[in-house]
PDB file of N, CA and C in Angstrom:
ATOM      1  N   MET A   1      14.882  -2.655  -1.714  1.00  0.00           N
ATOM      2  CA  MET A   1      14.303  -1.341  -1.962  1.00  0.00           C
ATOM      3  C   MET A   1      15.188  -0.297  -1.521  1.00  0.00           C
ATOM      4  N   ASN A   2      15.322   0.694  -2.242  1.00  0.00           N
ATOM      5  CA  ASN A   2      16.125   1.865  -1.966  1.00  0.00           C
ATOM      6  C   ASN A   2      15.419   2.699  -0.801  1.00  0.00           C
ATOM      7  N   PRO A   3      16.138   2.865   0.325  1.00  0.00           N
ATOM      8  CA  PRO A   3      15.426   3.578   1.425  1.00  0.00           C
ATOM      9  C   PRO A   3      15.094   5.042   1.148  1.00  0.00           C
ATOM     10  N   HIS A   4      15.635   5.630   0.092  1.00  0.00           N
ATOM     11  CA  HIS A   4      15.342   7.001  -0.274  1.00  0.00           C
ATOM     12  C   HIS A   4      14.193   7.138  -1.299  1.00  0.00           C
ATOM     13  N   THR A   5      13.670   5.988  -1.691  1.00  0.00           N
ATOM     14  CA  THR A   5      12.580   5.963  -2.713  1.00  0.00           C
ATOM     15  C   THR A   5      11.322   5.374  -2.111  1.00  0.00           C
ATOM     16  N   SER A   6      10.169   6.095  -2.160  1.00  0.00           N
ATOM     17  CA  SER A   6       8.990   5.536  -1.598  1.00  0.00           C
ATOM     18  C   SER A   6       8.040   5.305  -2.732  1.00  0.00           C
ATOM     19  N   SER A   7       7.172   4.265  -2.561  1.00  0.00           N
ATOM     20  CA  SER A   7       6.092   3.932  -3.568  1.00  0.00           C
ATOM     21  C   SER A   7       4.779   4.134  -2.859  1.00  0.00           C
ATOM     22  N   PHE A   8       3.925   4.808  -3.564  1.00  0.00           N
ATOM     23  CA  PHE A   8       2.591   5.121  -3.097  1.00  0.00           C
ATOM     24  C   PHE A   8       1.540   4.605  -4.070  1.00  0.00           C
ATOM     25  N   CYS A   9       0.364   4.264  -3.591  1.00  0.00           N
ATOM     26  CA  CYS A   9      -0.742   3.854  -4.353  1.00  0.00           C
ATOM     27  C   CYS A   9      -2.086   4.133  -3.706  1.00  0.00           C
ATOM     28  N   THR A  10      -3.120   4.199  -4.412  1.00  0.00           N
ATOM     29  CA  THR A  10      -4.432   4.573  -3.818  1.00  0.00           C
ATOM     30  C   THR A  10      -5.387   3.345  -4.011  1.00  0.00           C
ATOM     31  N   THR A  11      -6.385   3.289  -3.114  1.00  0.00           N
ATOM     32  CA  THR A  11      -7.374   2.268  -3.235  1.00  0.00           C
ATOM     33  C   THR A  11      -7.893   2.089  -4.621  1.00  0.00           C
ATOM     34  N   GLY A  12      -8.025   0.875  -5.035  1.00  0.00           N
ATOM     35  CA  GLY A  12      -8.590   0.576  -6.307  1.00  0.00           C
ATOM     36  C   GLY A  12      -7.530   0.419  -7.502  1.00  0.00           C
ATOM     37  N   GLN A  13      -6.336   1.001  -7.301  1.00  0.00           N
ATOM     38  CA  GLN A  13      -5.321   0.861  -8.302  1.00  0.00           C
ATOM     39  C   GLN A  13      -4.620  -0.475  -8.157  1.00  0.00           C
ATOM     40  N   PRO A  14      -3.972  -0.974  -9.227  1.00  0.00           N
ATOM     41  CA  PRO A  14      -3.314  -2.280  -9.052  1.00  0.00           C
ATOM     42  C   PRO A  14      -1.943  -1.998  -8.307  1.00  0.00           C
ATOM     43  N   CYS A  15      -1.649  -3.001  -7.473  1.00  0.00           N
ATOM     44  CA  CYS A  15      -0.429  -2.930  -6.656  1.00  0.00           C
ATOM     45  C   CYS A  15       0.781  -2.921  -7.569  1.00  0.00           C
ATOM     46  N   PRO A  16       1.668  -1.895  -7.543  1.00  0.00           N
ATOM     47  CA  PRO A  16       2.831  -1.924  -8.386  1.00  0.00           C
ATOM     48  C   PRO A  16       3.980  -2.798  -7.972  1.00  0.00           C
ATOM     49  N   ILE A  17       4.084  -3.079  -6.649  1.00  0.00           N
ATOM     50  CA  ILE A  17       5.191  -3.809  -6.150  1.00  0.00           C
ATOM     51  C   ILE A  17       4.723  -4.740  -5.064  1.00  0.00           C
ATOM     52  N   SER A  18       5.148  -5.977  -5.069  1.00  0.00           N
ATOM     53  CA  SER A  18       4.720  -6.896  -4.006  1.00  0.00           C
ATOM     54  C   SER A  18       5.406  -6.497  -2.730  1.00  0.00           C
ATOM     55  N   GLY A  19       4.713  -6.666  -1.565  1.00  0.00           N
ATOM     56  CA  GLY A  19       5.255  -6.340  -0.286  1.00  0.00           C
ATOM     57  C   GLY A  19       4.248  -6.014   0.749  1.00  0.00           C
ATOM     58  N   ILE A  20       4.698  -5.374   1.802  1.00  0.00           N
ATOM     59  CA  ILE A  20       3.813  -4.955   2.893  1.00  0.00           C
ATOM     60  C   ILE A  20       3.532  -3.437   2.692  1.00  0.00           C
ATOM     61  N   TRP A  21       2.263  -3.089   2.605  1.00  0.00           N
ATOM     62  CA  TRP A  21       1.802  -1.725   2.445  1.00  0.00           C
ATOM     63  C   TRP A  21       1.119  -1.255   3.732  1.00  0.00           C
ATOM     64  N   GLN A  22       1.301   0.121   4.064  1.00  0.00           N
ATOM     65  CA  GLN A  22       0.668   0.646   5.203  1.00  0.00           C
ATOM     66  C   GLN A  22      -0.213   1.825   4.807  1.00  0.00           C
ATOM     67  N   SER A  23      -1.351   1.902   5.395  1.00  0.00           N
ATOM     68  CA  SER A  23      -2.279   2.960   5.055  1.00  0.00           C
ATOM     69  C   SER A  23      -1.752   4.256   5.674  1.00  0.00           C
ATOM     70  N   MET A  24      -2.077   5.392   4.986  1.00  0.00           N
ATOM     71  CA  MET A  24      -1.593   6.685   5.499  1.00  0.00           C
ATOM     72  C   MET A  24      -2.790   7.352   6.155  1.00  0.00           C
ATOM     73  N   GLY A  25      -2.483   8.108   7.192  1.00  0.00           N
ATOM     74  CA  GLY A  25      -3.577   8.819   7.915  1.00  0.00           C
ATOM     75  C   GLY A  25      -3.420   8.562   9.383  1.00  0.00           C
ATOM     76  N   TYR A  26      -4.389   9.023  10.145  1.00  0.00           N
ATOM     77  CA  TYR A  26      -4.354   8.927  11.579  1.00  0.00           C
ATOM     78  C   TYR A  26      -4.429   7.500  12.155  1.00  0.00           C
ATOM     79  N   PHE A  27      -5.330   6.703  11.526  1.00  0.00           N
ATOM     80  CA  PHE A  27      -5.416   5.280  11.915  1.00  0.00           C
ATOM     81  C   PHE A  27      -4.683   4.483  10.813  1.00  0.00           C
ATOM     82  N   LYS A  28      -3.743   3.597  11.280  1.00  0.00           N
ATOM     83  CA  LYS A  28      -2.872   2.907  10.276  1.00  0.00           C
ATOM     84  C   LYS A  28      -3.151   1.369  10.372  1.00  0.00           C
ATOM     85  N   THR A  29      -2.950   0.749   9.253  1.00  0.00           N
ATOM     86  CA  THR A  29      -2.972  -0.720   9.239  1.00  0.00           C
ATOM     87  C   THR A  29      -1.920  -1.129   8.170  1.00  0.00           C
ATOM     88  N   THR A  30      -1.548  -2.387   8.171  1.00  0.00           N
ATOM     89  CA  THR A  30      -0.666  -2.936   7.110  1.00  0.00           C
ATOM     90  C   THR A  30      -1.344  -4.090   6.427  1.00  0.00           C
ATOM     91  N   VAL A  31      -0.968  -4.344   5.210  1.00  0.00           N
ATOM     92  CA  VAL A  31      -1.574  -5.455   4.474  1.00  0.00           C
ATOM     93  C   VAL A  31      -0.467  -5.996   3.499  1.00  0.00           C
ATOM     94  N   PRO A  32      -0.311  -7.280   3.389  1.00  0.00           N
ATOM     95  CA  PRO A  32       0.561  -7.877   2.393  1.00  0.00           C
ATOM     96  C   PRO A  32      -0.136  -8.033   1.075  1.00  0.00           C
ATOM     97  N   LEU A  33       0.496  -7.530   0.022  1.00  0.00           N
ATOM     98  CA  LEU A  33      -0.132  -7.593  -1.290  1.00  0.00           C
ATOM     99  C   LEU A  33       0.905  -8.002  -2.320  1.00  0.00           C
ATOM    100  N   SER A  34       0.421  -8.777  -3.334  1.00  0.00           N
ATOM    101  CA  SER A  34       1.183  -9.119  -4.509  1.00  0.00           C
ATOM    102  C   SER A  34       1.004  -8.188  -5.654  1.00  0.00           C
ATOM    103  N   LYS A  35       2.067  -8.020  -6.502  1.00  0.00           N
ATOM    104  CA  LYS A  35       1.967  -7.153  -7.622  1.00  0.00           C
ATOM    105  C   LYS A  35       0.728  -7.523  -8.453  1.00  0.00           C
ATOM    106  N   GLY A  36       0.016  -6.439  -8.843  1.00  0.00           N
ATOM    107  CA  GLY A  36      -1.261  -6.689  -9.671  1.00  0.00           C
ATOM    108  C   GLY A  36      -2.514  -6.774  -8.972  1.00  0.00           C
ATOM    109  N   MET A  37      -2.448  -7.034  -7.623  1.00  0.00           N
ATOM    110  CA  MET A  37      -3.671  -7.140  -6.795  1.00  0.00           C
ATOM    111  C   MET A  37      -4.235  -5.738  -6.664  1.00  0.00           C
ATOM    112  N   LYS A  38      -5.575  -5.622  -6.453  1.00  0.00           N
ATOM    113  CA  LYS A  38      -6.188  -4.378  -6.294  1.00  0.00           C
ATOM    114  C   LYS A  38      -5.922  -3.835  -4.889  1.00  0.00           C
ATOM    115  N   MET A  39      -5.490  -2.589  -4.788  1.00  0.00           N
ATOM    116  CA  MET A  39      -5.248  -1.921  -3.507  1.00  0.00           C
ATOM    117  C   MET A  39      -6.559  -1.853  -2.732  1.00  0.00           C
ATOM    118  N   PRO A  40      -6.680  -2.265  -1.459  1.00  0.00           N
ATOM    119  CA  PRO A  40      -7.896  -2.260  -0.776  1.00  0.00           C
ATOM    120  C   PRO A  40      -8.302  -0.949  -0.147  1.00  0.00           C
ATOM    121  N   SER A  41      -9.512  -0.814   0.264  1.00  0.00           N
ATOM    122  CA  SER A  41      -9.935   0.296   1.058  1.00  0.00           C
ATOM    123  C   SER A  41      -9.622   0.011   2.509  1.00  0.00           C
ATOM    124  N   TYR A  42      -9.853   0.892   3.438  1.00  0.00           N
ATOM    125  CA  TYR A  42      -9.624   0.631   4.870  1.00  0.00           C
ATOM    126  C   TYR A  42     -10.798   1.135   5.570  1.00  0.00           C
ATOM    127  N   CYS A  43     -11.495   0.225   6.281  1.00  0.00           N
ATOM    128  CA  CYS A  43     -12.732   0.550   7.004  1.00  0.00           C
ATOM    129  C   CYS A  43     -13.726   1.190   6.080  1.00  0.00           C
ATOM    130  N   GLY A  44     -13.810   0.668   4.786  1.00  0.00           N
ATOM    131  CA  GLY A  44     -14.779   1.160   3.839  1.00  0.00           C
ATOM    132  C   GLY A  44     -14.408   2.502   3.198  1.00  0.00           C
ATOM    133  N   THR A  45     -13.213   3.040   3.431  1.00  0.00           N
ATOM    134  CA  THR A  45     -12.803   4.329   3.003  1.00  0.00           C
ATOM    135  C   THR A  45     -11.688   4.261   2.059  1.00  0.00           C
ATOM    136  N   LYS A  46     -11.699   5.029   0.931  1.00  0.00           N
ATOM    137  CA  LYS A  46     -10.552   5.095   0.004  1.00  0.00           C
ATOM    138  C   LYS A  46      -9.400   5.697   0.700  1.00  0.00           C
ATOM    139  N   VAL A  47      -8.208   5.053   0.659  1.00  0.00           N
ATOM    140  CA  VAL A  47      -7.031   5.566   1.322  1.00  0.00           C
ATOM    141  C   VAL A  47      -5.806   5.519   0.424  1.00  0.00           C
ATOM    142  N   ARG A  48      -4.774   6.199   0.825  1.00  0.00           N
ATOM    143  CA  ARG A  48      -3.447   6.150   0.123  1.00  0.00           C
ATOM    144  C   ARG A  48      -2.553   5.200   0.924  1.00  0.00           C
ATOM    145  N   TRP A  49      -1.821   4.390   0.173  1.00  0.00           N
ATOM    146  CA  TRP A  49      -0.977   3.375   0.776  1.00  0.00           C
ATOM    147  C   TRP A  49       0.484   3.657   0.469  1.00  0.00           C
ATOM    148  N   VAL A  50       1.407   3.363   1.399  1.00  0.00           N
ATOM    149  CA  VAL A  50       2.855   3.508   1.181  1.00  0.00           C
ATOM    150  C   VAL A  50       3.521   2.127   1.394  1.00  0.00           C
ATOM    151  N   LEU A  51       4.424   1.807   0.475  1.00  0.00           N
ATOM    152  CA  LEU A  51       5.176   0.542   0.690  1.00  0.00           C
ATOM    153  C   LEU A  51       6.145   0.682   1.764  1.00  0.00           C
ATOM    154  N   VAL A  52       6.081  -0.284   2.745  1.00  0.00           N
ATOM    155  CA  VAL A  52       7.032  -0.258   3.908  1.00  0.00           C
ATOM    156  C   VAL A  52       8.074  -1.370   3.832  1.00  0.00           C
ATOM    157  N   PHE A  53       7.750  -2.459   2.996  1.00  0.00           N
ATOM    158  CA  PHE A  53       8.710  -3.502   2.851  1.00  0.00           C
ATOM    159  C   PHE A  53       8.464  -4.184   1.493  1.00  0.00           C
ATOM    160  N   ALA A  54       9.395  -4.157   0.654  1.00  0.00           N
ATOM    161  CA  ALA A  54       9.242  -4.832  -0.643  1.00  0.00           C
ATOM    162  C   ALA A  54       9.655  -6.276  -0.513  1.00  0.00           C
ATOM    163  N   GLY A  55       8.919  -7.155  -1.235  1.00  0.00           N
ATOM    164  CA  GLY A  55       9.326  -8.518  -1.213  1.00  0.00           C
ATOM    165  C   GLY A  55       8.111  -9.406  -1.383  1.00  0.00           C
TER     166      GLY A  55
END
């Protein structure tokens, strides 16, 4: 993954790139997802996710 390019996705959207995704906001968590999986919510809340490791 190019370190100058970030990928973002929101809860409910299909995962565009397989890898480790981190929630954005005050409380953070990471989740491994495969391309095409539905982006999850966090603690029952819709969140924005950023890709931290592609693979």
